[in-house]
Amino acid sequence: MKVLYKQSIAGLKMLLVLTVLLGVVYPLAVWAVARIPGLSDNAEGSIVTQNGQAVGSSLIGVDPVAKDPAHDPFFHNRPSAGSKDPLGPGDPSTSGASNKGTANEDLLATVKQRQDLIAKREGVDASKVPADAVTASASGLDPQISPAFAELQVPRVARETGLSEDAVRTIVADNTTGRGIGVLGDPAVDVLGMNLAVAAARH
C-alpha cells in the first residue's frame, strides 16, 4: 500500500510539473521569442498592410478575382490544387498538393484546360504559357510566380489599367527577387506586391 501511495504521489507531482512546463512555461517562451524584433512579422503571419488595413500576406498567395473576367486588371498567382475551378482561387485556410502523378489523366486534362484558359485570357498561343501558370505548387498558395508568367500578363494588365507596358514592366522588376545568395533557386515575382503597386499607380 505504501508503494502504491508513493507512486501515486510521484505521478501527480510529475503531472503538475509537466503541466506547468509544457502548458504554461513553454507556450509563454514561444510567445516571447515570437515578439523579438525581426521575428514578430513572421509570427503574426507576415500580414501586409496598406493605410492601416490588412490587404494580404507576403507568405500566402491568394489569387485575386476580377469583378468582370472580360476586363481583368490583376496579376494572377499559380493555380491551387484545392480550388473548385481550374483557375479559381484556393482556400487560404488549407494547403496541399493534388498528389497526382505526371501520368495521371485527370491532372493532364486539368493542365491542358488551364493552359487553354490562360492563353485565351492573355491573348496568346497556348505554347506561350509557362509551366508554373498551369501547375499547382506543393502548397497551392505560392505568393510568387516566375518572371515569364509575370511578363505574359503585362500586356493585359497594362491594357485594363490604362498604364503603359513599360510602367507595368517596371513594377514587375521592382517586385522581382533574385536567386538566393546569387546561385540558389530561380528569380520570382511577388504577385501581391505587383497588384498593390499597379493599384497605387492608377491613382
N, C-alpha and C. Protein backbone atom coordinates (compact mmCIF):
# COMPACT_ATOMS: atom_id res chain seq x y z
N MET A 1 0.83 -1.21 0.00
CA MET A 1 0.00 0.00 0.00
C MET A 1 0.87 1.27 0.00
N LYS A 2 1.98 1.21 0.80
CA LYS A 2 2.88 2.35 0.87
C LYS A 2 3.50 2.64 -0.50
N VAL A 3 3.86 1.57 -1.19
CA VAL A 3 4.49 1.71 -2.50
C VAL A 3 3.51 2.36 -3.48
N LEU A 4 2.26 1.91 -3.46
CA LEU A 4 1.23 2.46 -4.35
C LEU A 4 1.01 3.94 -4.05
N TYR A 5 1.00 4.30 -2.77
CA TYR A 5 0.82 5.69 -2.35
C TYR A 5 1.97 6.56 -2.86
N LYS A 6 3.19 6.07 -2.67
CA LYS A 6 4.36 6.83 -3.14
C LYS A 6 4.36 7.01 -4.65
N GLN A 7 4.00 5.94 -5.35
CA GLN A 7 3.96 6.02 -6.81
C GLN A 7 2.89 7.00 -7.30
N SER A 8 1.74 7.01 -6.61
CA SER A 8 0.65 7.92 -6.96
C SER A 8 1.06 9.37 -6.75
N ILE A 9 1.72 9.63 -5.59
CA ILE A 9 2.18 10.99 -5.29
C ILE A 9 3.23 11.43 -6.31
N ALA A 10 4.17 10.51 -6.63
CA ALA A 10 5.20 10.83 -7.61
C ALA A 10 4.59 11.12 -8.98
N GLY A 11 3.58 10.34 -9.36
CA GLY A 11 2.90 10.56 -10.65
C GLY A 11 2.18 11.89 -10.70
N LEU A 12 1.50 12.26 -9.59
CA LEU A 12 0.80 13.54 -9.53
C LEU A 12 1.78 14.71 -9.60
N LYS A 13 2.92 14.56 -8.88
CA LYS A 13 3.94 15.62 -8.93
C LYS A 13 4.47 15.80 -10.36
N MET A 14 4.75 14.66 -11.02
CA MET A 14 5.24 14.73 -12.40
C MET A 14 4.20 15.37 -13.31
N LEU A 15 2.92 15.02 -13.10
CA LEU A 15 1.84 15.61 -13.90
C LEU A 15 1.79 17.12 -13.72
N LEU A 16 1.90 17.57 -12.47
CA LEU A 16 1.86 19.01 -12.20
C LEU A 16 3.06 19.72 -12.81
N VAL A 17 4.25 19.12 -12.65
CA VAL A 17 5.46 19.74 -13.19
C VAL A 17 5.37 19.85 -14.72
N LEU A 18 4.99 18.76 -15.37
CA LEU A 18 4.90 18.77 -16.84
C LEU A 18 3.79 19.71 -17.33
N THR A 19 2.69 19.79 -16.57
CA THR A 19 1.60 20.70 -16.94
C THR A 19 2.08 22.15 -16.91
N VAL A 20 2.83 22.49 -15.86
CA VAL A 20 3.35 23.85 -15.76
C VAL A 20 4.38 24.12 -16.84
N LEU A 21 5.31 23.15 -17.04
CA LEU A 21 6.37 23.34 -18.02
C LEU A 21 5.83 23.41 -19.45
N LEU A 22 5.01 22.44 -19.84
CA LEU A 22 4.56 22.33 -21.23
C LEU A 22 3.26 23.08 -21.52
N GLY A 23 2.49 23.34 -20.47
CA GLY A 23 1.22 24.03 -20.67
C GLY A 23 1.28 25.52 -20.39
N VAL A 24 2.31 25.96 -19.64
CA VAL A 24 2.41 27.39 -19.29
C VAL A 24 3.77 27.97 -19.71
N VAL A 25 4.86 27.39 -19.19
CA VAL A 25 6.19 27.96 -19.44
C VAL A 25 6.56 27.90 -20.92
N TYR A 26 6.40 26.73 -21.54
CA TYR A 26 6.79 26.59 -22.95
C TYR A 26 5.98 27.50 -23.88
N PRO A 27 4.65 27.54 -23.78
CA PRO A 27 3.89 28.47 -24.65
C PRO A 27 4.29 29.93 -24.43
N LEU A 28 4.55 30.31 -23.18
CA LEU A 28 4.96 31.69 -22.90
C LEU A 28 6.33 31.97 -23.50
N ALA A 29 7.24 30.99 -23.44
CA ALA A 29 8.57 31.17 -24.02
C ALA A 29 8.49 31.33 -25.54
N VAL A 30 7.66 30.52 -26.18
CA VAL A 30 7.47 30.63 -27.63
C VAL A 30 6.88 31.99 -27.98
N TRP A 31 5.89 32.42 -27.20
CA TRP A 31 5.27 33.72 -27.44
C TRP A 31 6.29 34.84 -27.28
N ALA A 32 7.15 34.74 -26.25
CA ALA A 32 8.16 35.78 -26.01
C ALA A 32 9.18 35.83 -27.14
N VAL A 33 9.63 34.66 -27.60
CA VAL A 33 10.59 34.62 -28.71
C VAL A 33 9.97 35.23 -29.96
N ALA A 34 8.68 34.98 -30.17
CA ALA A 34 7.99 35.50 -31.35
C ALA A 34 7.85 37.02 -31.33
N ARG A 35 8.07 37.63 -30.17
CA ARG A 35 7.99 39.09 -30.08
C ARG A 35 9.33 39.76 -30.36
N ILE A 36 10.40 38.97 -30.53
CA ILE A 36 11.71 39.54 -30.79
C ILE A 36 11.69 40.28 -32.13
N PRO A 37 12.21 41.51 -32.19
CA PRO A 37 12.26 42.24 -33.46
C PRO A 37 12.93 41.42 -34.54
N GLY A 38 12.29 41.37 -35.70
CA GLY A 38 12.81 40.57 -36.80
C GLY A 38 12.09 39.24 -36.93
N LEU A 39 11.48 38.78 -35.85
CA LEU A 39 10.72 37.53 -35.88
C LEU A 39 9.22 37.76 -35.77
N SER A 40 8.84 38.91 -35.21
CA SER A 40 7.42 39.15 -34.94
C SER A 40 6.57 39.17 -36.20
N ASP A 41 7.15 39.67 -37.32
CA ASP A 41 6.38 39.73 -38.57
C ASP A 41 5.98 38.33 -39.02
N ASN A 42 6.95 37.40 -39.02
CA ASN A 42 6.64 36.02 -39.41
C ASN A 42 5.67 35.37 -38.44
N ALA A 43 5.84 35.65 -37.15
CA ALA A 43 4.97 35.04 -36.15
C ALA A 43 3.53 35.48 -36.29
N GLU A 44 3.32 36.68 -36.78
CA GLU A 44 1.96 37.21 -36.93
C GLU A 44 1.38 36.93 -38.31
N GLY A 45 2.06 36.09 -39.10
CA GLY A 45 1.50 35.72 -40.40
C GLY A 45 1.99 36.56 -41.55
N SER A 46 3.00 37.40 -41.32
CA SER A 46 3.56 38.26 -42.38
C SER A 46 2.46 39.05 -43.09
N ILE A 47 1.60 39.66 -42.30
CA ILE A 47 0.49 40.43 -42.85
C ILE A 47 0.99 41.70 -43.52
N VAL A 48 0.49 41.96 -44.71
CA VAL A 48 0.82 43.18 -45.45
C VAL A 48 -0.32 44.17 -45.22
N THR A 49 0.03 45.38 -44.78
CA THR A 49 -0.99 46.39 -44.53
C THR A 49 -0.79 47.58 -45.46
N GLN A 50 -1.89 48.25 -45.73
CA GLN A 50 -1.86 49.46 -46.54
C GLN A 50 -2.88 50.43 -45.97
N ASN A 51 -2.42 51.62 -45.61
CA ASN A 51 -3.28 52.62 -44.97
C ASN A 51 -3.94 52.05 -43.71
N GLY A 52 -3.18 51.23 -42.98
CA GLY A 52 -3.69 50.68 -41.73
C GLY A 52 -4.61 49.48 -41.89
N GLN A 53 -4.85 49.05 -43.12
CA GLN A 53 -5.74 47.92 -43.37
C GLN A 53 -4.95 46.72 -43.87
N ALA A 54 -5.29 45.53 -43.37
CA ALA A 54 -4.65 44.31 -43.84
C ALA A 54 -5.12 44.03 -45.27
N VAL A 55 -4.16 43.83 -46.18
CA VAL A 55 -4.52 43.59 -47.58
C VAL A 55 -4.03 42.22 -48.08
N GLY A 56 -3.37 41.46 -47.22
CA GLY A 56 -2.89 40.15 -47.62
C GLY A 56 -1.69 39.73 -46.80
N SER A 57 -1.07 38.65 -47.23
CA SER A 57 0.12 38.13 -46.56
C SER A 57 1.24 37.99 -47.57
N SER A 58 2.46 38.24 -47.12
CA SER A 58 3.60 38.10 -48.01
C SER A 58 4.01 36.64 -48.18
N LEU A 59 3.42 35.74 -47.39
CA LEU A 59 3.77 34.32 -47.46
C LEU A 59 2.66 33.45 -48.05
N ILE A 60 1.45 33.98 -48.12
CA ILE A 60 0.31 33.20 -48.60
C ILE A 60 -0.28 33.88 -49.82
N GLY A 61 -0.19 33.22 -50.95
CA GLY A 61 -0.73 33.79 -52.18
C GLY A 61 -2.19 33.43 -52.37
N VAL A 62 -3.03 34.43 -52.49
CA VAL A 62 -4.46 34.22 -52.76
C VAL A 62 -4.78 34.89 -54.08
N ASP A 63 -5.21 34.11 -55.05
CA ASP A 63 -5.44 34.64 -56.39
C ASP A 63 -6.59 35.65 -56.40
N PRO A 64 -6.36 36.85 -56.93
CA PRO A 64 -7.43 37.85 -56.97
C PRO A 64 -8.50 37.48 -58.00
N VAL A 65 -9.72 37.89 -57.73
CA VAL A 65 -10.84 37.60 -58.63
C VAL A 65 -11.37 38.91 -59.19
N ALA A 66 -11.38 39.04 -60.49
CA ALA A 66 -11.87 40.26 -61.14
C ALA A 66 -13.40 40.29 -61.13
N LYS A 67 -13.96 41.48 -60.91
CA LYS A 67 -15.42 41.60 -60.96
C LYS A 67 -15.94 41.24 -62.34
N ASP A 68 -15.22 41.66 -63.36
CA ASP A 68 -15.58 41.36 -64.74
C ASP A 68 -14.42 40.59 -65.38
N PRO A 69 -14.57 39.28 -65.55
CA PRO A 69 -13.48 38.48 -66.13
C PRO A 69 -13.03 38.96 -67.51
N ALA A 70 -13.92 39.66 -68.21
CA ALA A 70 -13.57 40.15 -69.54
C ALA A 70 -12.66 41.37 -69.46
N HIS A 71 -12.59 41.99 -68.28
CA HIS A 71 -11.73 43.17 -68.06
C HIS A 71 -10.99 42.96 -66.75
N ASP A 72 -10.02 42.09 -66.80
CA ASP A 72 -9.29 41.65 -65.60
C ASP A 72 -8.00 42.46 -65.44
N PRO A 73 -7.91 43.29 -64.39
CA PRO A 73 -6.73 44.16 -64.23
C PRO A 73 -5.64 43.58 -63.34
N PHE A 74 -5.80 42.33 -62.90
CA PHE A 74 -4.89 41.78 -61.89
C PHE A 74 -3.82 40.86 -62.47
N PHE A 75 -2.68 40.85 -61.78
CA PHE A 75 -1.72 39.77 -61.97
C PHE A 75 -2.25 38.58 -61.18
N HIS A 76 -2.02 37.39 -61.71
CA HIS A 76 -2.56 36.20 -61.05
C HIS A 76 -1.47 35.27 -60.55
N ASN A 77 -1.82 34.55 -59.47
CA ASN A 77 -0.92 33.57 -58.87
C ASN A 77 -0.97 32.25 -59.65
N ARG A 78 -0.13 31.34 -59.22
CA ARG A 78 -0.21 29.98 -59.73
C ARG A 78 -1.54 29.36 -59.30
N PRO A 79 -2.04 28.38 -60.04
CA PRO A 79 -3.31 27.75 -59.64
C PRO A 79 -3.13 26.94 -58.35
N SER A 80 -4.24 26.67 -57.70
CA SER A 80 -4.23 25.89 -56.47
C SER A 80 -4.92 24.56 -56.71
N ALA A 81 -4.31 23.48 -56.24
CA ALA A 81 -4.90 22.15 -56.40
C ALA A 81 -6.20 22.03 -55.61
N GLY A 82 -6.38 22.90 -54.62
CA GLY A 82 -7.57 22.81 -53.80
C GLY A 82 -8.75 23.64 -54.29
N SER A 83 -8.59 24.36 -55.38
CA SER A 83 -9.69 25.20 -55.87
C SER A 83 -10.71 24.37 -56.65
N LYS A 84 -11.94 24.81 -56.65
CA LYS A 84 -13.00 24.08 -57.35
C LYS A 84 -12.87 24.25 -58.86
N ASP A 85 -12.48 25.45 -59.29
CA ASP A 85 -12.33 25.73 -60.71
C ASP A 85 -10.85 25.61 -61.09
N PRO A 86 -10.57 25.32 -62.37
CA PRO A 86 -9.17 25.17 -62.80
C PRO A 86 -8.28 26.35 -62.45
N LEU A 87 -8.82 27.58 -62.59
CA LEU A 87 -8.04 28.77 -62.28
C LEU A 87 -8.58 29.52 -61.07
N GLY A 88 -9.54 28.91 -60.39
CA GLY A 88 -10.16 29.59 -59.27
C GLY A 88 -9.22 29.76 -58.11
N PRO A 89 -9.50 30.72 -57.22
CA PRO A 89 -8.63 30.93 -56.06
C PRO A 89 -8.70 29.76 -55.10
N GLY A 90 -7.57 29.45 -54.48
CA GLY A 90 -7.56 28.39 -53.49
C GLY A 90 -8.08 28.88 -52.14
N ASP A 91 -8.28 27.96 -51.24
CA ASP A 91 -8.72 28.28 -49.89
C ASP A 91 -7.49 28.52 -49.03
N PRO A 92 -7.25 29.76 -48.59
CA PRO A 92 -6.02 30.05 -47.83
C PRO A 92 -5.97 29.39 -46.46
N SER A 93 -7.09 28.83 -46.01
CA SER A 93 -7.08 28.17 -44.70
C SER A 93 -6.56 26.74 -44.78
N THR A 94 -6.42 26.21 -46.00
CA THR A 94 -5.87 24.88 -46.17
C THR A 94 -4.85 24.91 -47.31
N SER A 95 -3.95 23.95 -47.31
CA SER A 95 -2.98 23.90 -48.38
C SER A 95 -2.59 22.45 -48.63
N GLY A 96 -2.12 22.19 -49.83
CA GLY A 96 -1.68 20.84 -50.15
C GLY A 96 -1.66 20.63 -51.65
N ALA A 97 -0.93 19.61 -52.06
CA ALA A 97 -0.85 19.27 -53.47
C ALA A 97 -1.96 18.29 -53.84
N SER A 98 -2.08 18.02 -55.13
CA SER A 98 -3.12 17.09 -55.59
C SER A 98 -2.69 15.64 -55.38
N ASN A 99 -1.38 15.40 -55.22
CA ASN A 99 -0.82 14.06 -55.08
C ASN A 99 -1.07 13.20 -56.32
N LYS A 100 -1.26 13.84 -57.46
CA LYS A 100 -1.44 13.12 -58.72
C LYS A 100 -0.11 13.11 -59.48
N GLY A 101 0.24 11.97 -60.02
CA GLY A 101 1.50 11.84 -60.75
C GLY A 101 1.42 12.48 -62.12
N THR A 102 2.58 12.61 -62.75
CA THR A 102 2.64 13.28 -64.05
C THR A 102 1.94 12.51 -65.16
N ALA A 103 1.64 11.25 -64.92
CA ALA A 103 0.93 10.45 -65.94
C ALA A 103 -0.57 10.36 -65.65
N ASN A 104 -1.02 11.01 -64.59
CA ASN A 104 -2.43 10.96 -64.22
C ASN A 104 -3.28 11.68 -65.26
N GLU A 105 -4.27 11.00 -65.81
CA GLU A 105 -5.08 11.57 -66.89
C GLU A 105 -5.87 12.79 -66.43
N ASP A 106 -6.38 12.77 -65.21
CA ASP A 106 -7.13 13.92 -64.70
C ASP A 106 -6.23 15.14 -64.57
N LEU A 107 -5.01 14.93 -64.07
CA LEU A 107 -4.07 16.04 -63.93
C LEU A 107 -3.71 16.61 -65.29
N LEU A 108 -3.42 15.74 -66.24
CA LEU A 108 -3.06 16.20 -67.58
C LEU A 108 -4.20 16.98 -68.22
N ALA A 109 -5.43 16.52 -68.00
CA ALA A 109 -6.60 17.22 -68.56
C ALA A 109 -6.77 18.59 -67.91
N THR A 110 -6.52 18.66 -66.59
CA THR A 110 -6.64 19.94 -65.89
C THR A 110 -5.57 20.92 -66.35
N VAL A 111 -4.34 20.43 -66.52
CA VAL A 111 -3.25 21.28 -67.00
C VAL A 111 -3.57 21.82 -68.39
N LYS A 112 -4.10 20.97 -69.26
CA LYS A 112 -4.46 21.41 -70.61
C LYS A 112 -5.58 22.44 -70.56
N GLN A 113 -6.54 22.23 -69.69
CA GLN A 113 -7.65 23.19 -69.53
C GLN A 113 -7.13 24.53 -69.04
N ARG A 114 -6.24 24.49 -68.06
CA ARG A 114 -5.64 25.74 -67.56
C ARG A 114 -4.86 26.45 -68.65
N GLN A 115 -4.11 25.70 -69.42
CA GLN A 115 -3.31 26.26 -70.50
C GLN A 115 -4.20 26.99 -71.50
N ASP A 116 -5.31 26.37 -71.88
CA ASP A 116 -6.22 26.98 -72.85
C ASP A 116 -6.89 28.22 -72.27
N LEU A 117 -7.28 28.16 -70.99
CA LEU A 117 -7.95 29.31 -70.36
C LEU A 117 -7.00 30.49 -70.23
N ILE A 118 -5.77 30.23 -69.84
CA ILE A 118 -4.80 31.32 -69.68
C ILE A 118 -4.41 31.90 -71.03
N ALA A 119 -4.25 31.05 -72.03
CA ALA A 119 -3.92 31.53 -73.38
C ALA A 119 -5.02 32.44 -73.89
N LYS A 120 -6.27 32.08 -73.62
CA LYS A 120 -7.40 32.91 -74.04
C LYS A 120 -7.42 34.22 -73.27
N ARG A 121 -7.18 34.15 -71.97
CA ARG A 121 -7.21 35.36 -71.13
C ARG A 121 -6.12 36.34 -71.53
N GLU A 122 -4.94 35.81 -71.87
CA GLU A 122 -3.81 36.67 -72.19
C GLU A 122 -3.70 36.96 -73.68
N GLY A 123 -4.52 36.30 -74.51
CA GLY A 123 -4.49 36.57 -75.95
C GLY A 123 -3.24 36.07 -76.62
N VAL A 124 -2.76 34.89 -76.21
CA VAL A 124 -1.55 34.33 -76.79
C VAL A 124 -1.80 32.88 -77.20
N ASP A 125 -0.86 32.31 -77.93
CA ASP A 125 -0.93 30.90 -78.26
C ASP A 125 -0.65 30.07 -77.01
N ALA A 126 -1.28 28.92 -76.91
CA ALA A 126 -1.14 28.07 -75.72
C ALA A 126 0.32 27.69 -75.47
N SER A 127 1.11 27.62 -76.51
CA SER A 127 2.52 27.24 -76.36
C SER A 127 3.32 28.30 -75.61
N LYS A 128 2.79 29.51 -75.50
CA LYS A 128 3.50 30.61 -74.83
C LYS A 128 3.27 30.60 -73.31
N VAL A 129 2.36 29.77 -72.83
CA VAL A 129 2.03 29.76 -71.40
C VAL A 129 3.09 28.98 -70.63
N PRO A 130 3.77 29.60 -69.66
CA PRO A 130 4.84 28.91 -68.91
C PRO A 130 4.28 27.84 -67.97
N ALA A 131 5.16 26.93 -67.57
CA ALA A 131 4.74 25.77 -66.77
C ALA A 131 4.12 26.16 -65.44
N ASP A 132 4.68 27.17 -64.75
CA ASP A 132 4.15 27.49 -63.42
C ASP A 132 2.76 28.12 -63.48
N ALA A 133 2.33 28.56 -64.67
CA ALA A 133 1.00 29.13 -64.82
C ALA A 133 -0.09 28.06 -64.81
N VAL A 134 0.30 26.81 -65.11
CA VAL A 134 -0.70 25.75 -65.26
C VAL A 134 -0.52 24.61 -64.26
N THR A 135 0.53 24.65 -63.45
CA THR A 135 0.77 23.60 -62.46
C THR A 135 0.71 24.18 -61.06
N ALA A 136 0.02 23.49 -60.18
CA ALA A 136 -0.08 23.94 -58.80
C ALA A 136 1.17 23.54 -58.03
N SER A 137 1.55 24.34 -57.08
CA SER A 137 2.72 24.04 -56.24
C SER A 137 2.33 23.03 -55.16
N ALA A 138 3.30 22.62 -54.37
CA ALA A 138 3.02 21.67 -53.29
C ALA A 138 2.05 22.26 -52.28
N SER A 139 2.16 23.56 -52.00
CA SER A 139 1.25 24.19 -51.04
C SER A 139 -0.03 24.66 -51.71
N GLY A 140 0.07 25.03 -52.99
CA GLY A 140 -1.09 25.59 -53.68
C GLY A 140 -1.35 27.04 -53.33
N LEU A 141 -0.46 27.63 -52.52
CA LEU A 141 -0.68 29.01 -52.07
C LEU A 141 0.58 29.85 -52.24
N ASP A 142 1.33 29.59 -53.29
CA ASP A 142 2.57 30.35 -53.52
C ASP A 142 2.27 31.84 -53.70
N PRO A 143 3.02 32.71 -53.01
CA PRO A 143 2.82 34.16 -53.18
C PRO A 143 3.55 34.72 -54.39
N GLN A 144 4.38 33.89 -55.05
CA GLN A 144 5.21 34.37 -56.14
C GLN A 144 5.01 33.54 -57.41
N ILE A 145 5.34 34.15 -58.54
CA ILE A 145 5.29 33.47 -59.83
C ILE A 145 6.62 33.70 -60.54
N SER A 146 6.81 33.02 -61.65
CA SER A 146 8.05 33.18 -62.41
C SER A 146 8.02 34.50 -63.19
N PRO A 147 9.18 35.06 -63.52
CA PRO A 147 9.22 36.25 -64.37
C PRO A 147 8.52 36.03 -65.71
N ALA A 148 8.59 34.80 -66.23
CA ALA A 148 7.93 34.50 -67.52
C ALA A 148 6.42 34.62 -67.40
N PHE A 149 5.86 34.13 -66.30
CA PHE A 149 4.40 34.23 -66.10
C PHE A 149 3.99 35.69 -65.88
N ALA A 150 4.82 36.43 -65.16
CA ALA A 150 4.53 37.86 -64.95
C ALA A 150 4.56 38.61 -66.28
N GLU A 151 5.58 38.35 -67.10
CA GLU A 151 5.71 39.01 -68.40
C GLU A 151 4.52 38.68 -69.30
N LEU A 152 4.04 37.46 -69.24
CA LEU A 152 2.88 37.06 -70.05
C LEU A 152 1.66 37.92 -69.74
N GLN A 153 1.54 38.36 -68.47
CA GLN A 153 0.36 39.10 -68.04
C GLN A 153 0.48 40.61 -68.22
N VAL A 154 1.69 41.09 -68.52
CA VAL A 154 1.93 42.53 -68.62
C VAL A 154 1.01 43.22 -69.61
N PRO A 155 0.88 42.75 -70.87
CA PRO A 155 0.03 43.47 -71.84
C PRO A 155 -1.43 43.61 -71.38
N ARG A 156 -1.99 42.54 -70.79
CA ARG A 156 -3.37 42.61 -70.32
C ARG A 156 -3.52 43.58 -69.17
N VAL A 157 -2.61 43.51 -68.20
CA VAL A 157 -2.69 44.41 -67.04
C VAL A 157 -2.56 45.86 -67.50
N ALA A 158 -1.65 46.11 -68.42
CA ALA A 158 -1.47 47.47 -68.94
C ALA A 158 -2.74 47.95 -69.65
N ARG A 159 -3.28 47.08 -70.47
CA ARG A 159 -4.48 47.45 -71.23
C ARG A 159 -5.67 47.73 -70.32
N GLU A 160 -5.87 46.92 -69.29
CA GLU A 160 -7.04 47.05 -68.44
C GLU A 160 -6.90 48.14 -67.38
N THR A 161 -5.67 48.55 -67.08
CA THR A 161 -5.46 49.58 -66.06
C THR A 161 -5.17 50.95 -66.65
N GLY A 162 -4.85 50.99 -67.96
CA GLY A 162 -4.52 52.25 -68.59
C GLY A 162 -3.08 52.66 -68.40
N LEU A 163 -2.27 51.82 -67.76
CA LEU A 163 -0.85 52.11 -67.61
C LEU A 163 -0.10 51.66 -68.86
N SER A 164 1.06 52.22 -69.07
CA SER A 164 1.87 51.78 -70.21
C SER A 164 2.53 50.44 -69.87
N GLU A 165 2.85 49.66 -70.90
CA GLU A 165 3.52 48.39 -70.66
C GLU A 165 4.87 48.60 -70.00
N ASP A 166 5.55 49.68 -70.35
CA ASP A 166 6.84 49.97 -69.72
C ASP A 166 6.68 50.21 -68.23
N ALA A 167 5.61 50.93 -67.86
CA ALA A 167 5.35 51.20 -66.44
C ALA A 167 5.04 49.91 -65.69
N VAL A 168 4.28 49.04 -66.32
CA VAL A 168 3.94 47.77 -65.68
C VAL A 168 5.18 46.88 -65.57
N ARG A 169 6.02 46.90 -66.58
CA ARG A 169 7.25 46.10 -66.52
C ARG A 169 8.19 46.61 -65.42
N THR A 170 8.17 47.91 -65.18
CA THR A 170 8.97 48.46 -64.09
C THR A 170 8.46 47.95 -62.75
N ILE A 171 7.14 47.86 -62.63
CA ILE A 171 6.54 47.32 -61.41
C ILE A 171 6.93 45.86 -61.23
N VAL A 172 6.93 45.11 -62.32
CA VAL A 172 7.35 43.70 -62.26
C VAL A 172 8.80 43.61 -61.78
N ALA A 173 9.66 44.43 -62.36
CA ALA A 173 11.07 44.42 -61.99
C ALA A 173 11.27 44.79 -60.52
N ASP A 174 10.49 45.75 -60.03
CA ASP A 174 10.62 46.20 -58.65
C ASP A 174 10.19 45.12 -57.66
N ASN A 175 9.36 44.18 -58.11
CA ASN A 175 8.85 43.13 -57.23
C ASN A 175 9.47 41.77 -57.51
N THR A 176 10.59 41.78 -58.24
CA THR A 176 11.29 40.54 -58.58
C THR A 176 12.49 40.35 -57.65
N THR A 177 12.59 39.17 -57.09
CA THR A 177 13.73 38.84 -56.24
C THR A 177 14.67 37.93 -57.03
N GLY A 178 15.96 38.04 -56.74
CA GLY A 178 16.95 37.22 -57.44
C GLY A 178 17.13 35.86 -56.79
N ARG A 179 18.15 35.16 -57.21
CA ARG A 179 18.47 33.85 -56.65
C ARG A 179 19.03 34.02 -55.25
N GLY A 180 18.75 33.05 -54.38
CA GLY A 180 19.29 33.08 -53.03
C GLY A 180 20.81 33.01 -53.06
N ILE A 181 21.47 33.90 -52.34
CA ILE A 181 22.93 34.07 -52.31
C ILE A 181 23.55 33.99 -53.71
N GLY A 182 22.74 34.41 -54.69
CA GLY A 182 23.26 34.54 -56.05
C GLY A 182 23.21 33.29 -56.90
N VAL A 183 22.97 32.11 -56.27
CA VAL A 183 23.03 30.87 -57.05
C VAL A 183 21.86 29.92 -56.80
N LEU A 184 21.16 30.06 -55.67
CA LEU A 184 20.13 29.10 -55.31
C LEU A 184 18.76 29.51 -55.84
N GLY A 185 18.02 28.55 -56.38
CA GLY A 185 16.66 28.80 -56.82
C GLY A 185 16.60 29.65 -58.07
N ASP A 186 15.39 30.09 -58.39
CA ASP A 186 15.14 30.92 -59.56
C ASP A 186 14.56 32.26 -59.14
N PRO A 187 14.73 33.30 -59.96
CA PRO A 187 14.08 34.57 -59.66
C PRO A 187 12.57 34.39 -59.56
N ALA A 188 11.93 35.17 -58.72
CA ALA A 188 10.48 35.07 -58.52
C ALA A 188 9.89 36.46 -58.37
N VAL A 189 8.60 36.56 -58.68
CA VAL A 189 7.92 37.86 -58.66
C VAL A 189 6.76 37.81 -57.67
N ASP A 190 6.71 38.79 -56.78
CA ASP A 190 5.67 38.87 -55.74
C ASP A 190 4.37 39.40 -56.34
N VAL A 191 3.34 38.55 -56.37
CA VAL A 191 2.08 38.91 -57.02
C VAL A 191 1.33 40.00 -56.26
N LEU A 192 1.23 39.85 -54.94
CA LEU A 192 0.52 40.86 -54.14
C LEU A 192 1.20 42.21 -54.28
N GLY A 193 2.54 42.22 -54.22
CA GLY A 193 3.28 43.47 -54.36
C GLY A 193 3.00 44.15 -55.69
N MET A 194 2.95 43.36 -56.76
CA MET A 194 2.66 43.94 -58.08
C MET A 194 1.27 44.53 -58.14
N ASN A 195 0.29 43.79 -57.63
CA ASN A 195 -1.08 44.28 -57.70
C ASN A 195 -1.29 45.55 -56.88
N LEU A 196 -0.64 45.62 -55.71
CA LEU A 196 -0.73 46.84 -54.90
C LEU A 196 -0.05 48.01 -55.59
N ALA A 197 1.10 47.75 -56.24
CA ALA A 197 1.80 48.82 -56.95
C ALA A 197 1.01 49.30 -58.15
N VAL A 198 0.39 48.37 -58.86
CA VAL A 198 -0.45 48.74 -60.02
C VAL A 198 -1.62 49.61 -59.55
N ALA A 199 -2.26 49.19 -58.47
CA ALA A 199 -3.41 49.96 -57.94
C ALA A 199 -2.96 51.36 -57.53
N ALA A 200 -1.80 51.47 -56.90
CA ALA A 200 -1.28 52.79 -56.48
C ALA A 200 -0.96 53.66 -57.67
N ALA A 201 -0.41 53.05 -58.72
CA ALA A 201 -0.01 53.82 -59.92
C ALA A 201 -1.22 54.34 -60.68
N ARG A 202 -2.35 53.72 -60.49
CA ARG A 202 -3.56 54.16 -61.22
C ARG A 202 -4.18 55.40 -60.60
N HIS A 203 -3.83 55.70 -59.33
CA HIS A 203 -4.45 56.83 -58.63
C HIS A 203 -3.52 58.05 -58.62
